[in-house]
Amino acid sequence: MGDGLADGCVVEGIALGAFLWTAAVIDFHCGMIYNWLTVSMAVCAIIFRFYAGVGVETLALGFLAGGMPLLVIRVLSRGGLGGGDVKFAAAGGLWLGWQNAFLALALASWSGGLFALFLLLTGRRRKDDAVAFGPFLAFGIWTAFLCGDRLLELYEAFCYG
């Protein structure tokens, strides 16, 4: 699924891009990712994936791979990560499948962490200040959708020769 637009899934890419952009902007400005958005995103993902012949097991694995790691972080951090982020990542996992969902979370974590470090080093934020994670999740999901399979191939070649 990672090469969505390269495979000719333009409509799917436009739909996903619209969800990601909307979530990123709303989370950046309001600090929230609303249920109406994540539910709509999940329903569209299920429709597109079923139309593409993806089975229920693959959808379930993508959903769990996207949402479960962030749910664990949310519980362990006692709410340091918002529930909207968890649901947003789970909906993204429906679009991506389990391998690209993990890639999306890694990309989101790295980019969000670097941005938070930048904010700390420049004095724009303090250690205990909140930073919206939704824009970084949107970046990770979008990157994994566009070129996730290729990135995973490169990673495998790097690790295993």
C-alpha atoms as a PDB file:
ATOM      1  CA  MET A   1       0.000   0.000   0.000  1.00  0.00           C
ATOM      2  CA  GLY A   2       2.883   2.374   0.539  1.00  0.00           C
ATOM      3  CA  ASP A   3       3.170   3.535  -3.093  1.00  0.00           C
ATOM      4  CA  GLY A   4      -0.442   4.718  -3.274  1.00  0.00           C
ATOM      5  CA  LEU A   5      -0.187   7.479  -5.850  1.00  0.00           C
ATOM      6  CA  ALA A   6       2.456   5.630  -7.883  1.00  0.00           C
ATOM      7  CA  ASP A   7      -0.018   2.760  -8.194  1.00  0.00           C
ATOM      8  CA  GLY A   8      -2.619   5.075  -9.667  1.00  0.00           C
ATOM      9  CA  CYS A   9      -4.727   5.489  -6.529  1.00  0.00           C
ATOM     10  CA  VAL A  10      -5.149   9.199  -7.080  1.00  0.00           C
ATOM     11  CA  VAL A  11      -8.637   9.444  -5.585  1.00  0.00           C
ATOM     12  CA  GLU A  12      -7.513   7.519  -2.524  1.00  0.00           C
ATOM     13  CA  GLY A  13      -4.504   9.818  -2.169  1.00  0.00           C
ATOM     14  CA  ILE A  14      -6.644  12.926  -2.443  1.00  0.00           C
ATOM     15  CA  ALA A  15      -9.064  11.616   0.187  1.00  0.00           C
ATOM     16  CA  LEU A  16      -6.290  10.640   2.582  1.00  0.00           C
ATOM     17  CA  GLY A  17      -4.466  13.926   1.992  1.00  0.00           C
ATOM     18  CA  ALA A  18      -7.622  15.868   2.817  1.00  0.00           C
ATOM     19  CA  PHE A  19      -8.067  13.985   6.094  1.00  0.00           C
ATOM     20  CA  LEU A  20      -4.410  14.426   7.042  1.00  0.00           C
ATOM     21  CA  TRP A  21      -4.319  18.128   6.201  1.00  0.00           C
ATOM     22  CA  THR A  22      -7.550  18.769   8.110  1.00  0.00           C
ATOM     23  CA  ALA A  23      -6.345  16.894  11.195  1.00  0.00           C
ATOM     24  CA  ALA A  24      -2.936  18.607  11.145  1.00  0.00           C
ATOM     25  CA  VAL A  25      -4.394  22.103  10.876  1.00  0.00           C
ATOM     26  CA  ILE A  26      -7.086  21.549  13.508  1.00  0.00           C
ATOM     27  CA  ASP A  27      -4.640  19.933  15.957  1.00  0.00           C
ATOM     28  CA  PHE A  28      -2.067  22.680  15.425  1.00  0.00           C
ATOM     29  CA  HIS A  29      -4.610  25.429  16.079  1.00  0.00           C
ATOM     30  CA  CYS A  30      -6.944  23.788  18.621  1.00  0.00           C
ATOM     31  CA  GLY A  31      -4.884  20.993  20.166  1.00  0.00           C
ATOM     32  CA  MET A  32      -7.601  18.464  19.270  1.00  0.00           C
ATOM     33  CA  ILE A  33      -8.256  15.767  16.709  1.00  0.00           C
ATOM     34  CA  TYR A  34     -12.000  15.294  16.695  1.00  0.00           C
ATOM     35  CA  ASN A  35     -13.835  11.963  16.614  1.00  0.00           C
ATOM     36  CA  TRP A  36     -15.895  12.969  13.565  1.00  0.00           C
ATOM     37  CA  LEU A  37     -12.637  13.297  11.644  1.00  0.00           C
ATOM     38  CA  THR A  38     -11.032  10.039  12.753  1.00  0.00           C
ATOM     39  CA  VAL A  39     -14.246   8.054  12.293  1.00  0.00           C
ATOM     40  CA  SER A  40     -14.744   9.506   8.790  1.00  0.00           C
ATOM     41  CA  MET A  41     -11.116   8.742   7.966  1.00  0.00           C
ATOM     42  CA  ALA A  42     -11.472   5.159   9.212  1.00  0.00           C
ATOM     43  CA  VAL A  43     -14.708   4.542   7.291  1.00  0.00           C
ATOM     44  CA  CYS A  44     -13.175   5.852   4.068  1.00  0.00           C
ATOM     45  CA  ALA A  45     -10.084   3.707   4.613  1.00  0.00           C
ATOM     46  CA  ILE A  46     -12.217   0.597   5.063  1.00  0.00           C
ATOM     47  CA  ILE A  47     -14.166   1.371   1.882  1.00  0.00           C
ATOM     48  CA  PHE A  48     -11.028   2.021  -0.183  1.00  0.00           C
ATOM     49  CA  ARG A  49      -9.203  -1.010   1.210  1.00  0.00           C
ATOM     50  CA  PHE A  50     -12.152  -3.382   0.699  1.00  0.00           C
ATOM     51  CA  TYR A  51     -12.502  -2.076  -2.855  1.00  0.00           C
ATOM     52  CA  ALA A  52      -8.781  -2.860  -3.352  1.00  0.00           C
ATOM     53  CA  GLY A  53      -9.344  -6.406  -2.092  1.00  0.00           C
ATOM     54  CA  VAL A  54      -7.688  -6.003   1.298  1.00  0.00           C
ATOM     55  CA  GLY A  55      -8.971  -8.504   3.865  1.00  0.00           C
ATOM     56  CA  VAL A  56     -10.331  -7.911   7.337  1.00  0.00           C
ATOM     57  CA  GLU A  57      -7.206  -9.405   8.965  1.00  0.00           C
ATOM     58  CA  THR A  58      -4.943  -6.922   7.173  1.00  0.00           C
ATOM     59  CA  LEU A  59      -7.196  -4.036   8.173  1.00  0.00           C
ATOM     60  CA  ALA A  60      -7.231  -5.181  11.796  1.00  0.00           C
ATOM     61  CA  LEU A  61      -3.439  -5.497  11.892  1.00  0.00           C
ATOM     62  CA  GLY A  62      -3.014  -2.020  10.412  1.00  0.00           C
ATOM     63  CA  PHE A  63      -5.492  -0.566  12.895  1.00  0.00           C
ATOM     64  CA  LEU A  64      -3.691  -2.188  15.833  1.00  0.00           C
ATOM     65  CA  ALA A  65      -0.207  -1.313  14.561  1.00  0.00           C
ATOM     66  CA  GLY A  66      -1.225   2.321  14.181  1.00  0.00           C
ATOM     67  CA  GLY A  67      -3.117   2.749  17.419  1.00  0.00           C
ATOM     68  CA  MET A  68      -1.775   0.275  19.974  1.00  0.00           C
ATOM     69  CA  PRO A  69       1.733   1.743  20.429  1.00  0.00           C
ATOM     70  CA  LEU A  70       0.272   5.189  21.029  1.00  0.00           C
ATOM     71  CA  LEU A  71      -2.365   3.780  23.377  1.00  0.00           C
ATOM     72  CA  VAL A  72       0.431   2.246  25.459  1.00  0.00           C
ATOM     73  CA  ILE A  73       2.284   5.581  25.476  1.00  0.00           C
ATOM     74  CA  ARG A  74      -0.926   7.394  26.443  1.00  0.00           C
ATOM     75  CA  VAL A  75      -1.498   5.044  29.387  1.00  0.00           C
ATOM     76  CA  LEU A  76       2.125   5.083  30.548  1.00  0.00           C
ATOM     77  CA  SER A  77       2.371   8.870  30.251  1.00  0.00           C
ATOM     78  CA  ARG A  78      -0.930   9.287  32.127  1.00  0.00           C
ATOM     79  CA  GLY A  79      -2.524  11.324  29.382  1.00  0.00           C
ATOM     80  CA  GLY A  80       0.618  13.006  28.069  1.00  0.00           C
ATOM     81  CA  LEU A  81      -0.513  11.989  24.605  1.00  0.00           C
ATOM     82  CA  GLY A  82      -4.043  12.811  23.531  1.00  0.00           C
ATOM     83  CA  GLY A  83      -6.690  10.231  22.753  1.00  0.00           C
ATOM     84  CA  GLY A  84      -7.283  11.895  19.397  1.00  0.00           C
ATOM     85  CA  ASP A  85      -3.699  11.097  18.419  1.00  0.00           C
ATOM     86  CA  VAL A  86      -4.266   7.429  19.271  1.00  0.00           C
ATOM     87  CA  LYS A  87      -7.438   7.244  17.172  1.00  0.00           C
ATOM     88  CA  PHE A  88      -5.857   9.223  14.326  1.00  0.00           C
ATOM     89  CA  ALA A  89      -2.897   6.821  14.188  1.00  0.00           C
ATOM     90  CA  ALA A  90      -5.239   3.811  14.272  1.00  0.00           C
ATOM     91  CA  ALA A  91      -7.256   5.237  11.356  1.00  0.00           C
ATOM     92  CA  GLY A  92      -3.993   5.860   9.506  1.00  0.00           C
ATOM     93  CA  GLY A  93      -3.055   2.232  10.094  1.00  0.00           C
ATOM     94  CA  LEU A  94      -6.204   1.179   8.254  1.00  0.00           C
ATOM     95  CA  TRP A  95      -4.937   3.028   5.168  1.00  0.00           C
ATOM     96  CA  LEU A  96      -1.349   1.779   5.456  1.00  0.00           C
ATOM     97  CA  GLY A  97      -1.247  -1.786   6.752  1.00  0.00           C
ATOM     98  CA  TRP A  98       0.856  -2.870   9.716  1.00  0.00           C
ATOM     99  CA  GLN A  99       4.371  -2.384   8.317  1.00  0.00           C
ATOM    100  CA  ASN A 100       3.749   1.085   6.960  1.00  0.00           C
ATOM    101  CA  ALA A 101       1.778   2.003  10.092  1.00  0.00           C
ATOM    102  CA  PHE A 102       4.893   1.308  12.176  1.00  0.00           C
ATOM    103  CA  LEU A 103       6.944   3.324   9.686  1.00  0.00           C
ATOM    104  CA  ALA A 104       4.480   6.220   9.955  1.00  0.00           C
ATOM    105  CA  LEU A 105       4.776   6.185  13.759  1.00  0.00           C
ATOM    106  CA  ALA A 106       8.572   6.157  13.541  1.00  0.00           C
ATOM    107  CA  LEU A 107       8.591   9.076  11.092  1.00  0.00           C
ATOM    108  CA  ALA A 108       6.118  11.006  13.244  1.00  0.00           C
ATOM    109  CA  SER A 109       8.147  10.382  16.399  1.00  0.00           C
ATOM    110  CA  TRP A 110      11.440  11.386  14.820  1.00  0.00           C
ATOM    111  CA  SER A 111      10.105  14.532  13.180  1.00  0.00           C
ATOM    112  CA  GLY A 112       8.083  15.539  16.253  1.00  0.00           C
ATOM    113  CA  GLY A 113      11.044  14.887  18.543  1.00  0.00           C
ATOM    114  CA  LEU A 114      13.400  16.966  16.402  1.00  0.00           C
ATOM    115  CA  PHE A 115      10.868  19.790  16.279  1.00  0.00           C
ATOM    116  CA  ALA A 116      10.388  19.676  20.063  1.00  0.00           C
ATOM    117  CA  LEU A 117      14.167  19.738  20.526  1.00  0.00           C
ATOM    118  CA  PHE A 118      14.367  22.759  18.235  1.00  0.00           C
ATOM    119  CA  LEU A 119      11.667  24.525  20.274  1.00  0.00           C
ATOM    120  CA  LEU A 120      13.503  23.765  23.522  1.00  0.00           C
ATOM    121  CA  LEU A 121      16.891  24.865  22.226  1.00  0.00           C
ATOM    122  CA  THR A 122      15.514  28.122  20.846  1.00  0.00           C
ATOM    123  CA  GLY A 123      13.569  28.875  24.028  1.00  0.00           C
ATOM    124  CA  ARG A 124      10.208  28.917  22.264  1.00  0.00           C
ATOM    125  CA  ARG A 125       8.897  26.163  24.555  1.00  0.00           C
ATOM    126  CA  ARG A 126       9.746  24.821  27.988  1.00  0.00           C
ATOM    127  CA  LYS A 127      10.132  21.185  28.963  1.00  0.00           C
ATOM    128  CA  ASP A 128       6.567  20.847  30.276  1.00  0.00           C
ATOM    129  CA  ASP A 129       4.828  22.690  27.400  1.00  0.00           C
ATOM    130  CA  ALA A 130       2.549  20.712  25.109  1.00  0.00           C
ATOM    131  CA  VAL A 131       3.242  20.356  21.391  1.00  0.00           C
ATOM    132  CA  ALA A 132       0.570  19.096  18.995  1.00  0.00           C
ATOM    133  CA  PHE A 133       1.548  15.662  17.692  1.00  0.00           C
ATOM    134  CA  GLY A 134      -1.159  15.454  15.008  1.00  0.00           C
ATOM    135  CA  PRO A 135       0.807  17.371  12.353  1.00  0.00           C
ATOM    136  CA  PHE A 136       3.713  14.964  12.783  1.00  0.00           C
ATOM    137  CA  LEU A 137       1.399  11.955  12.594  1.00  0.00           C
ATOM    138  CA  ALA A 138      -0.062  13.415   9.401  1.00  0.00           C
ATOM    139  CA  PHE A 139       3.474  13.795   7.995  1.00  0.00           C
ATOM    140  CA  GLY A 140       4.348  10.214   8.935  1.00  0.00           C
ATOM    141  CA  ILE A 141       1.150   8.748   7.510  1.00  0.00           C
ATOM    142  CA  TRP A 142       1.462  10.737   4.284  1.00  0.00           C
ATOM    143  CA  THR A 143       5.118   9.805   3.785  1.00  0.00           C
ATOM    144  CA  ALA A 144       4.390   6.129   4.476  1.00  0.00           C
ATOM    145  CA  PHE A 145       1.453   6.232   2.056  1.00  0.00           C
ATOM    146  CA  LEU A 146       3.482   7.810  -0.729  1.00  0.00           C
ATOM    147  CA  CYS A 147       6.752   5.917  -0.407  1.00  0.00           C
ATOM    148  CA  GLY A 148       6.568   3.572   2.570  1.00  0.00           C
ATOM    149  CA  ASP A 149       7.209   0.379   0.644  1.00  0.00           C
ATOM    150  CA  ARG A 150      10.322   1.887  -0.945  1.00  0.00           C
ATOM    151  CA  LEU A 151      11.592   3.220   2.408  1.00  0.00           C
ATOM    152  CA  LEU A 152      11.107  -0.209   3.974  1.00  0.00           C
ATOM    153  CA  GLU A 153      13.014  -1.812   1.079  1.00  0.00           C
ATOM    154  CA  LEU A 154      15.892   0.633   1.601  1.00  0.00           C
ATOM    155  CA  TYR A 155      15.885  -0.045   5.336  1.00  0.00           C
ATOM    156  CA  GLU A 156      15.947  -3.802   4.752  1.00  0.00           C
ATOM    157  CA  ALA A 157      18.805  -3.474   2.242  1.00  0.00           C
ATOM    158  CA  PHE A 158      20.744  -1.329   4.726  1.00  0.00           C
ATOM    159  CA  CYS A 159      20.217  -3.728   7.605  1.00  0.00           C
ATOM    160  CA  TYR A 160      20.554  -7.046   5.826  1.00  0.00           C
ATOM    161  CA  GLY A 161      22.625  -6.192   2.786  1.00  0.00           C
END
